[in-house]
Amino acid sequence: MEVQYRKSARRSLDLEQLQDIRVPVHLHLGGTKMPLEELLKLEPDQVIQLDRLAGEAVDIVVNRRHMAKGEVVVVNNHLAVRLISLLSPEERLKLI
């Protein structure tokens, strides 16, 4: 059975119609690679060294796309991120 799609009467969506959509936001702190043997031997209190330096900017990823860079800060005992560079609103909208 073939599916038939109908064109919407609406020509395009405007930004106001999209503002309530929730999108996933992730911070990429860093990464590393390790042999499986080493991974299996990990225990509590051990430290895994990442590929970024302390104080280096973290990547802010929205909907699996890089949108900005920021620095990790503490606000009212919660981790947060201060934006230090950001794509323009137009560029961000294209990626979402």
N, C-alpha and C. Protein backbone atom coordinates (compact mmCIF):
# COMPACT_ATOMS: atom_id res chain seq x y z
N MET A 1 0.84 -1.18 0.00
CA MET A 1 0.00 0.00 0.00
C MET A 1 0.88 1.24 0.00
N GLU A 2 0.70 2.09 -0.94
CA GLU A 2 1.50 3.30 -1.07
C GLU A 2 0.93 4.41 -0.20
N VAL A 3 1.81 5.08 0.53
CA VAL A 3 1.40 6.19 1.39
C VAL A 3 1.38 7.47 0.57
N GLN A 4 0.32 8.23 0.70
CA GLN A 4 0.23 9.51 0.01
C GLN A 4 0.30 10.64 1.01
N TYR A 5 1.14 11.60 0.71
CA TYR A 5 1.31 12.75 1.58
C TYR A 5 0.59 13.94 0.98
N ARG A 6 -0.05 14.69 1.83
CA ARG A 6 -0.73 15.91 1.40
C ARG A 6 0.10 17.12 1.81
N LYS A 7 0.10 18.10 0.96
CA LYS A 7 0.80 19.34 1.31
C LYS A 7 -0.01 20.10 2.33
N SER A 8 0.69 20.67 3.29
CA SER A 8 0.04 21.48 4.31
C SER A 8 -0.42 22.81 3.71
N ALA A 9 -1.53 23.32 4.21
CA ALA A 9 -2.00 24.64 3.78
C ALA A 9 -1.08 25.73 4.31
N ARG A 10 -0.35 25.42 5.39
CA ARG A 10 0.57 26.38 5.99
C ARG A 10 1.83 26.46 5.13
N ARG A 11 2.21 27.66 4.75
CA ARG A 11 3.38 27.85 3.89
C ARG A 11 4.69 27.56 4.63
N SER A 12 4.84 28.11 5.82
CA SER A 12 6.06 27.88 6.59
C SER A 12 5.80 28.15 8.06
N LEU A 13 6.67 27.62 8.88
CA LEU A 13 6.58 27.86 10.32
C LEU A 13 7.35 29.12 10.66
N ASP A 14 6.83 29.90 11.60
CA ASP A 14 7.61 31.03 12.05
C ASP A 14 8.23 30.68 13.41
N LEU A 15 9.19 31.47 13.83
CA LEU A 15 9.94 31.20 15.04
C LEU A 15 9.04 31.10 16.27
N GLU A 16 8.01 31.90 16.33
CA GLU A 16 7.09 31.89 17.48
C GLU A 16 6.45 30.52 17.68
N GLN A 17 6.18 29.82 16.60
CA GLN A 17 5.55 28.51 16.69
C GLN A 17 6.52 27.44 17.20
N LEU A 18 7.80 27.70 17.15
CA LEU A 18 8.81 26.72 17.55
C LEU A 18 9.36 26.94 18.95
N GLN A 19 9.06 28.06 19.57
CA GLN A 19 9.72 28.44 20.81
C GLN A 19 9.45 27.53 22.00
N ASP A 20 8.36 26.78 22.02
CA ASP A 20 8.05 25.91 23.15
C ASP A 20 8.61 24.50 22.98
N ILE A 21 9.26 24.22 21.87
CA ILE A 21 9.81 22.88 21.64
C ILE A 21 11.04 22.69 22.53
N ARG A 22 11.09 21.57 23.23
CA ARG A 22 12.22 21.26 24.11
C ARG A 22 13.22 20.43 23.32
N VAL A 23 14.49 20.80 23.40
CA VAL A 23 15.55 20.07 22.71
C VAL A 23 16.62 19.66 23.71
N PRO A 24 17.28 18.53 23.49
CA PRO A 24 18.32 18.08 24.43
C PRO A 24 19.58 18.97 24.34
N VAL A 25 20.11 19.32 25.49
CA VAL A 25 21.34 20.11 25.57
C VAL A 25 22.35 19.31 26.38
N HIS A 26 23.54 19.10 25.81
CA HIS A 26 24.60 18.33 26.47
C HIS A 26 25.88 19.13 26.47
N LEU A 27 26.72 18.90 27.47
CA LEU A 27 28.04 19.50 27.52
C LEU A 27 29.06 18.40 27.33
N HIS A 28 30.01 18.62 26.42
CA HIS A 28 31.07 17.64 26.21
C HIS A 28 32.31 18.15 26.91
N LEU A 29 32.62 17.50 28.03
CA LEU A 29 33.74 17.88 28.88
C LEU A 29 35.07 17.40 28.33
N GLY A 30 35.06 16.29 27.66
CA GLY A 30 36.28 15.69 27.13
C GLY A 30 36.09 14.21 26.97
N GLY A 31 37.11 13.55 26.52
CA GLY A 31 37.02 12.11 26.33
C GLY A 31 38.39 11.48 26.39
N THR A 32 38.40 10.18 26.27
CA THR A 32 39.65 9.43 26.25
C THR A 32 39.38 8.06 25.66
N LYS A 33 40.42 7.35 25.36
CA LYS A 33 40.32 5.95 24.94
C LYS A 33 41.17 5.14 25.88
N MET A 34 40.68 3.95 26.22
CA MET A 34 41.46 3.06 27.07
C MET A 34 41.19 1.63 26.66
N PRO A 35 42.17 0.77 26.89
CA PRO A 35 41.97 -0.64 26.56
C PRO A 35 40.82 -1.22 27.39
N LEU A 36 40.10 -2.16 26.82
CA LEU A 36 38.99 -2.80 27.51
C LEU A 36 39.46 -3.42 28.82
N GLU A 37 40.64 -3.98 28.83
CA GLU A 37 41.18 -4.60 30.06
C GLU A 37 41.25 -3.57 31.19
N GLU A 38 41.75 -2.37 30.86
CA GLU A 38 41.86 -1.29 31.85
C GLU A 38 40.47 -0.84 32.30
N LEU A 39 39.55 -0.73 31.36
CA LEU A 39 38.17 -0.33 31.66
C LEU A 39 37.53 -1.30 32.64
N LEU A 40 37.75 -2.58 32.43
CA LEU A 40 37.15 -3.61 33.30
C LEU A 40 37.75 -3.62 34.70
N LYS A 41 38.96 -3.08 34.87
CA LYS A 41 39.63 -3.06 36.17
C LYS A 41 39.31 -1.80 36.99
N LEU A 42 38.53 -0.87 36.42
CA LEU A 42 38.22 0.38 37.13
C LEU A 42 37.47 0.10 38.43
N GLU A 43 37.79 0.88 39.44
CA GLU A 43 37.15 0.78 40.75
C GLU A 43 36.80 2.17 41.25
N PRO A 44 35.90 2.26 42.24
CA PRO A 44 35.57 3.57 42.81
C PRO A 44 36.82 4.30 43.29
N ASP A 45 36.82 5.59 43.19
CA ASP A 45 37.90 6.50 43.59
C ASP A 45 39.03 6.59 42.58
N GLN A 46 39.01 5.78 41.52
CA GLN A 46 40.03 5.93 40.49
C GLN A 46 39.66 7.13 39.62
N VAL A 47 40.64 7.72 38.99
CA VAL A 47 40.45 8.91 38.17
C VAL A 47 40.72 8.57 36.71
N ILE A 48 39.85 9.02 35.83
CA ILE A 48 40.05 8.84 34.39
C ILE A 48 40.45 10.20 33.83
N GLN A 49 41.64 10.28 33.25
CA GLN A 49 42.13 11.54 32.69
C GLN A 49 41.51 11.76 31.32
N LEU A 50 41.01 12.98 31.10
CA LEU A 50 40.39 13.33 29.82
C LEU A 50 41.38 14.05 28.92
N ASP A 51 40.98 14.26 27.67
CA ASP A 51 41.86 14.87 26.67
C ASP A 51 41.82 16.40 26.67
N ARG A 52 41.22 17.01 27.67
CA ARG A 52 41.18 18.47 27.75
C ARG A 52 41.91 18.94 29.01
N LEU A 53 42.42 20.16 28.93
CA LEU A 53 43.10 20.75 30.07
C LEU A 53 42.09 21.36 31.03
N ALA A 54 42.45 21.43 32.31
CA ALA A 54 41.59 22.10 33.30
C ALA A 54 41.40 23.54 32.87
N GLY A 55 40.17 24.02 32.92
CA GLY A 55 39.87 25.39 32.54
C GLY A 55 39.60 25.58 31.06
N GLU A 56 39.82 24.54 30.24
CA GLU A 56 39.56 24.64 28.81
C GLU A 56 38.05 24.65 28.56
N ALA A 57 37.62 25.36 27.54
CA ALA A 57 36.19 25.47 27.23
C ALA A 57 35.58 24.10 26.93
N VAL A 58 34.32 23.95 27.31
CA VAL A 58 33.57 22.73 27.00
C VAL A 58 32.69 23.00 25.78
N ASP A 59 32.36 21.95 25.05
CA ASP A 59 31.47 22.08 23.90
C ASP A 59 30.03 21.97 24.36
N ILE A 60 29.18 22.87 23.87
CA ILE A 60 27.75 22.82 24.16
C ILE A 60 27.07 22.27 22.91
N VAL A 61 26.42 21.14 23.09
CA VAL A 61 25.83 20.40 21.97
C VAL A 61 24.32 20.38 22.14
N VAL A 62 23.61 20.87 21.14
CA VAL A 62 22.15 20.92 21.17
C VAL A 62 21.63 20.06 20.03
N ASN A 63 20.78 19.10 20.39
CA ASN A 63 20.20 18.23 19.38
C ASN A 63 21.29 17.56 18.54
N ARG A 64 22.38 17.16 19.21
CA ARG A 64 23.54 16.48 18.61
C ARG A 64 24.34 17.35 17.65
N ARG A 65 24.22 18.66 17.79
CA ARG A 65 24.98 19.58 16.94
C ARG A 65 25.70 20.62 17.80
N HIS A 66 26.96 20.88 17.47
CA HIS A 66 27.76 21.84 18.22
C HIS A 66 27.20 23.25 18.02
N MET A 67 26.85 23.92 19.14
CA MET A 67 26.25 25.25 19.06
C MET A 67 27.11 26.34 19.71
N ALA A 68 27.91 25.94 20.71
CA ALA A 68 28.61 26.97 21.46
C ALA A 68 29.77 26.37 22.25
N LYS A 69 30.52 27.25 22.89
CA LYS A 69 31.56 26.84 23.84
C LYS A 69 31.29 27.59 25.13
N GLY A 70 31.67 26.97 26.24
CA GLY A 70 31.43 27.61 27.52
C GLY A 70 32.43 27.17 28.57
N GLU A 71 32.32 27.79 29.73
CA GLU A 71 33.17 27.39 30.85
C GLU A 71 32.29 26.92 31.99
N VAL A 72 32.75 25.86 32.66
CA VAL A 72 31.99 25.29 33.76
C VAL A 72 32.12 26.19 34.98
N VAL A 73 30.98 26.51 35.60
CA VAL A 73 30.94 27.34 36.81
C VAL A 73 30.00 26.68 37.82
N VAL A 74 30.00 27.20 39.03
CA VAL A 74 29.09 26.72 40.07
C VAL A 74 28.15 27.86 40.44
N VAL A 75 26.84 27.57 40.42
CA VAL A 75 25.82 28.55 40.78
C VAL A 75 24.90 27.91 41.82
N ASN A 76 24.87 28.47 43.02
CA ASN A 76 24.04 27.93 44.11
C ASN A 76 24.27 26.43 44.30
N ASN A 77 25.53 26.02 44.35
CA ASN A 77 25.93 24.62 44.54
C ASN A 77 25.54 23.70 43.39
N HIS A 78 25.20 24.24 42.24
CA HIS A 78 24.88 23.44 41.06
C HIS A 78 25.89 23.75 39.97
N LEU A 79 26.28 22.73 39.21
CA LEU A 79 27.13 22.98 38.06
C LEU A 79 26.33 23.73 37.01
N ALA A 80 26.99 24.64 36.32
CA ALA A 80 26.36 25.42 35.26
C ALA A 80 27.43 25.71 34.22
N VAL A 81 27.04 26.35 33.14
CA VAL A 81 28.01 26.71 32.10
C VAL A 81 27.78 28.16 31.68
N ARG A 82 28.87 28.91 31.61
CA ARG A 82 28.82 30.30 31.15
C ARG A 82 29.22 30.29 29.67
N LEU A 83 28.36 30.84 28.82
CA LEU A 83 28.64 30.87 27.39
C LEU A 83 29.79 31.82 27.09
N ILE A 84 30.75 31.36 26.28
CA ILE A 84 31.85 32.24 25.90
C ILE A 84 31.90 32.46 24.39
N SER A 85 31.31 31.57 23.62
CA SER A 85 31.16 31.79 22.18
C SER A 85 29.92 31.04 21.72
N LEU A 86 29.26 31.57 20.71
CA LEU A 86 27.95 31.05 20.34
C LEU A 86 27.68 31.32 18.86
N LEU A 87 27.06 30.35 18.19
CA LEU A 87 26.63 30.58 16.82
C LEU A 87 25.52 31.64 16.82
N SER A 88 25.33 32.32 15.71
CA SER A 88 24.27 33.32 15.62
C SER A 88 22.90 32.63 15.70
N PRO A 89 21.83 33.35 16.09
CA PRO A 89 20.51 32.74 16.14
C PRO A 89 20.11 32.08 14.82
N GLU A 90 20.46 32.68 13.70
CA GLU A 90 20.12 32.11 12.39
C GLU A 90 20.84 30.79 12.18
N GLU A 91 22.15 30.75 12.52
CA GLU A 91 22.93 29.53 12.37
C GLU A 91 22.41 28.43 13.30
N ARG A 92 22.05 28.80 14.53
CA ARG A 92 21.51 27.82 15.48
C ARG A 92 20.20 27.24 14.98
N LEU A 93 19.32 28.07 14.47
CA LEU A 93 18.02 27.62 13.99
C LEU A 93 18.17 26.65 12.82
N LYS A 94 19.13 26.90 11.94
CA LYS A 94 19.38 26.00 10.81
C LYS A 94 19.79 24.61 11.28
N LEU A 95 20.53 24.53 12.38
CA LEU A 95 21.03 23.25 12.87
C LEU A 95 19.99 22.45 13.64
N ILE A 96 18.98 23.13 14.16
CA ILE A 96 17.95 22.44 14.92
C ILE A 96 16.98 21.82 13.95
